[in-house]
């Protein structure tokens, strides 16, 4: 069964900021970034438990060709994936899971 997904507001802001950065440089790169995120979301929704827990209940998948991780939580009861972060891999790793 395919899971539904939603973006946490913080993750949505990170996604939008990354897209804005790419669109300023190249429309093609921005389109490919969106495709990479869509592909990762589709992969996660098809089998959310496939990826290991990286911190507490959080799991992550690396985007293809882009230096970002999608960090997410799985709600088995609601069959939902909550994307908590679109995290650039050059950012401070100490803040990877703490969004306060």
C-alpha atoms as a PDB file:
ATOM      1  CA  UNK A   1       0.000   0.000   0.000  1.00  0.00           C
ATOM      2  CA  UNK A   2       1.338   3.402  -0.953  1.00  0.00           C
ATOM      3  CA  UNK A   3       1.613   5.927   1.860  1.00  0.00           C
ATOM      4  CA  UNK A   4       0.411   9.523   1.696  1.00  0.00           C
ATOM      5  CA  UNK A   5       2.886  12.291   2.427  1.00  0.00           C
ATOM      6  CA  UNK A   6       3.002  15.842   3.628  1.00  0.00           C
ATOM      7  CA  UNK A   7       5.708  18.421   4.217  1.00  0.00           C
ATOM      8  CA  UNK A   8       6.255  19.942   7.645  1.00  0.00           C
ATOM      9  CA  UNK A   9       6.185  23.770   7.304  1.00  0.00           C
ATOM     10  CA  UNK A  10       9.918  23.951   8.056  1.00  0.00           C
ATOM     11  CA  UNK A  11      10.658  21.360   5.363  1.00  0.00           C
ATOM     12  CA  UNK A  12       8.421  23.220   2.907  1.00  0.00           C
ATOM     13  CA  UNK A  13      10.407  26.413   3.562  1.00  0.00           C
ATOM     14  CA  UNK A  14      13.708  24.565   3.070  1.00  0.00           C
ATOM     15  CA  UNK A  15      12.402  23.073  -0.175  1.00  0.00           C
ATOM     16  CA  UNK A  16      11.280  26.471  -1.429  1.00  0.00           C
ATOM     17  CA  UNK A  17      14.613  28.096  -0.489  1.00  0.00           C
ATOM     18  CA  UNK A  18      16.580  25.388  -2.306  1.00  0.00           C
ATOM     19  CA  UNK A  19      14.345  25.699  -5.375  1.00  0.00           C
ATOM     20  CA  UNK A  20      14.799  29.495  -5.341  1.00  0.00           C
ATOM     21  CA  UNK A  21      18.566  29.078  -5.186  1.00  0.00           C
ATOM     22  CA  UNK A  22      18.544  26.737  -8.200  1.00  0.00           C
ATOM     23  CA  UNK A  23      16.079  28.801 -10.261  1.00  0.00           C
ATOM     24  CA  UNK A  24      18.347  31.874  -9.889  1.00  0.00           C
ATOM     25  CA  UNK A  25      21.150  29.896 -11.492  1.00  0.00           C
ATOM     26  CA  UNK A  26      19.435  27.619 -13.987  1.00  0.00           C
ATOM     27  CA  UNK A  27      15.846  26.817 -14.872  1.00  0.00           C
ATOM     28  CA  UNK A  28      16.914  23.313 -15.933  1.00  0.00           C
ATOM     29  CA  UNK A  29      18.695  22.690 -12.602  1.00  0.00           C
ATOM     30  CA  UNK A  30      15.580  23.856 -10.736  1.00  0.00           C
ATOM     31  CA  UNK A  31      13.354  21.518 -12.775  1.00  0.00           C
ATOM     32  CA  UNK A  32      15.736  18.627 -12.159  1.00  0.00           C
ATOM     33  CA  UNK A  33      15.785  19.436  -8.429  1.00  0.00           C
ATOM     34  CA  UNK A  34      11.991  19.202  -8.302  1.00  0.00           C
ATOM     35  CA  UNK A  35      12.147  15.902 -10.197  1.00  0.00           C
ATOM     36  CA  UNK A  36      14.756  14.560  -7.743  1.00  0.00           C
ATOM     37  CA  UNK A  37      12.568  15.509  -4.754  1.00  0.00           C
ATOM     38  CA  UNK A  38       9.490  14.001  -6.416  1.00  0.00           C
ATOM     39  CA  UNK A  39      11.398  10.798  -7.139  1.00  0.00           C
ATOM     40  CA  UNK A  40      12.609  10.546  -3.536  1.00  0.00           C
ATOM     41  CA  UNK A  41       9.111  11.200  -2.169  1.00  0.00           C
ATOM     42  CA  UNK A  42       7.641   8.556  -4.471  1.00  0.00           C
ATOM     43  CA  UNK A  43      10.305   6.041  -3.405  1.00  0.00           C
ATOM     44  CA  UNK A  44       9.694   6.741   0.279  1.00  0.00           C
ATOM     45  CA  UNK A  45       5.913   6.535  -0.065  1.00  0.00           C
ATOM     46  CA  UNK A  46       6.166   3.187  -1.850  1.00  0.00           C
ATOM     47  CA  UNK A  47       8.282   1.661   0.930  1.00  0.00           C
ATOM     48  CA  UNK A  48       8.896   4.056   3.843  1.00  0.00           C
ATOM     49  CA  UNK A  49      10.525   1.497   6.134  1.00  0.00           C
ATOM     50  CA  UNK A  50      13.186   0.690   3.549  1.00  0.00           C
ATOM     51  CA  UNK A  51      15.559   3.339   4.854  1.00  0.00           C
ATOM     52  CA  UNK A  52      17.228   2.978   8.231  1.00  0.00           C
ATOM     53  CA  UNK A  53      16.455   5.117  11.210  1.00  0.00           C
ATOM     54  CA  UNK A  54      19.162   7.747  11.377  1.00  0.00           C
ATOM     55  CA  UNK A  55      18.066   9.442  14.607  1.00  0.00           C
ATOM     56  CA  UNK A  56      15.329   8.291  16.973  1.00  0.00           C
ATOM     57  CA  UNK A  57      12.345   7.673  14.662  1.00  0.00           C
ATOM     58  CA  UNK A  58      13.657   9.823  11.797  1.00  0.00           C
ATOM     59  CA  UNK A  59      14.708   8.217   8.532  1.00  0.00           C
ATOM     60  CA  UNK A  60      16.458   9.764   5.564  1.00  0.00           C
ATOM     61  CA  UNK A  61      16.975   9.320   1.853  1.00  0.00           C
ATOM     62  CA  UNK A  62      19.617  11.075  -0.239  1.00  0.00           C
ATOM     63  CA  UNK A  63      18.467  12.898  -3.368  1.00  0.00           C
ATOM     64  CA  UNK A  64      19.961  11.711  -6.637  1.00  0.00           C
ATOM     65  CA  UNK A  65      22.443  14.219  -8.114  1.00  0.00           C
ATOM     66  CA  UNK A  66      21.712  16.886  -5.481  1.00  0.00           C
ATOM     67  CA  UNK A  67      23.421  17.413  -2.113  1.00  0.00           C
ATOM     68  CA  UNK A  68      20.255  17.084  -0.031  1.00  0.00           C
ATOM     69  CA  UNK A  69      18.622  14.599   2.291  1.00  0.00           C
ATOM     70  CA  UNK A  70      14.889  14.165   2.763  1.00  0.00           C
ATOM     71  CA  UNK A  71      14.404  13.461   6.448  1.00  0.00           C
ATOM     72  CA  UNK A  72      11.061  11.944   7.378  1.00  0.00           C
ATOM     73  CA  UNK A  73       8.884  10.225   9.969  1.00  0.00           C
ATOM     74  CA  UNK A  74       6.544   7.318   9.297  1.00  0.00           C
ATOM     75  CA  UNK A  75       3.088   7.074  10.876  1.00  0.00           C
ATOM     76  CA  UNK A  76       2.145   3.420  10.455  1.00  0.00           C
ATOM     77  CA  UNK A  77      -1.396   3.863  11.783  1.00  0.00           C
ATOM     78  CA  UNK A  78      -2.288   6.694   9.392  1.00  0.00           C
ATOM     79  CA  UNK A  79      -0.101   5.327   6.573  1.00  0.00           C
ATOM     80  CA  UNK A  80       1.509   8.740   6.250  1.00  0.00           C
ATOM     81  CA  UNK A  81       5.038  10.012   5.706  1.00  0.00           C
ATOM     82  CA  UNK A  82       5.858  13.397   7.262  1.00  0.00           C
ATOM     83  CA  UNK A  83       8.828  15.048   5.586  1.00  0.00           C
ATOM     84  CA  UNK A  84      10.493  17.028   8.362  1.00  0.00           C
ATOM     85  CA  UNK A  85      13.459  18.449   6.458  1.00  0.00           C
ATOM     86  CA  UNK A  86      15.000  19.011   3.039  1.00  0.00           C
ATOM     87  CA  UNK A  87      18.522  19.236   4.428  1.00  0.00           C
ATOM     88  CA  UNK A  88      21.601  20.359   2.497  1.00  0.00           C
ATOM     89  CA  UNK A  89      24.538  18.098   3.318  1.00  0.00           C
ATOM     90  CA  UNK A  90      26.959  21.030   3.784  1.00  0.00           C
ATOM     91  CA  UNK A  91      24.945  22.505   6.655  1.00  0.00           C
ATOM     92  CA  UNK A  92      25.930  21.962  10.278  1.00  0.00           C
ATOM     93  CA  UNK A  93      25.283  18.259  10.999  1.00  0.00           C
ATOM     94  CA  UNK A  94      24.549  19.060  14.657  1.00  0.00           C
ATOM     95  CA  UNK A  95      21.354  20.813  13.483  1.00  0.00           C
ATOM     96  CA  UNK A  96      20.281  18.101  11.065  1.00  0.00           C
ATOM     97  CA  UNK A  97      17.554  16.704  13.297  1.00  0.00           C
ATOM     98  CA  UNK A  98      16.917  19.604  15.667  1.00  0.00           C
ATOM     99  CA  UNK A  99      14.699  22.248  14.060  1.00  0.00           C
ATOM    100  CA  UNK A 100      14.139  24.479  17.085  1.00  0.00           C
END
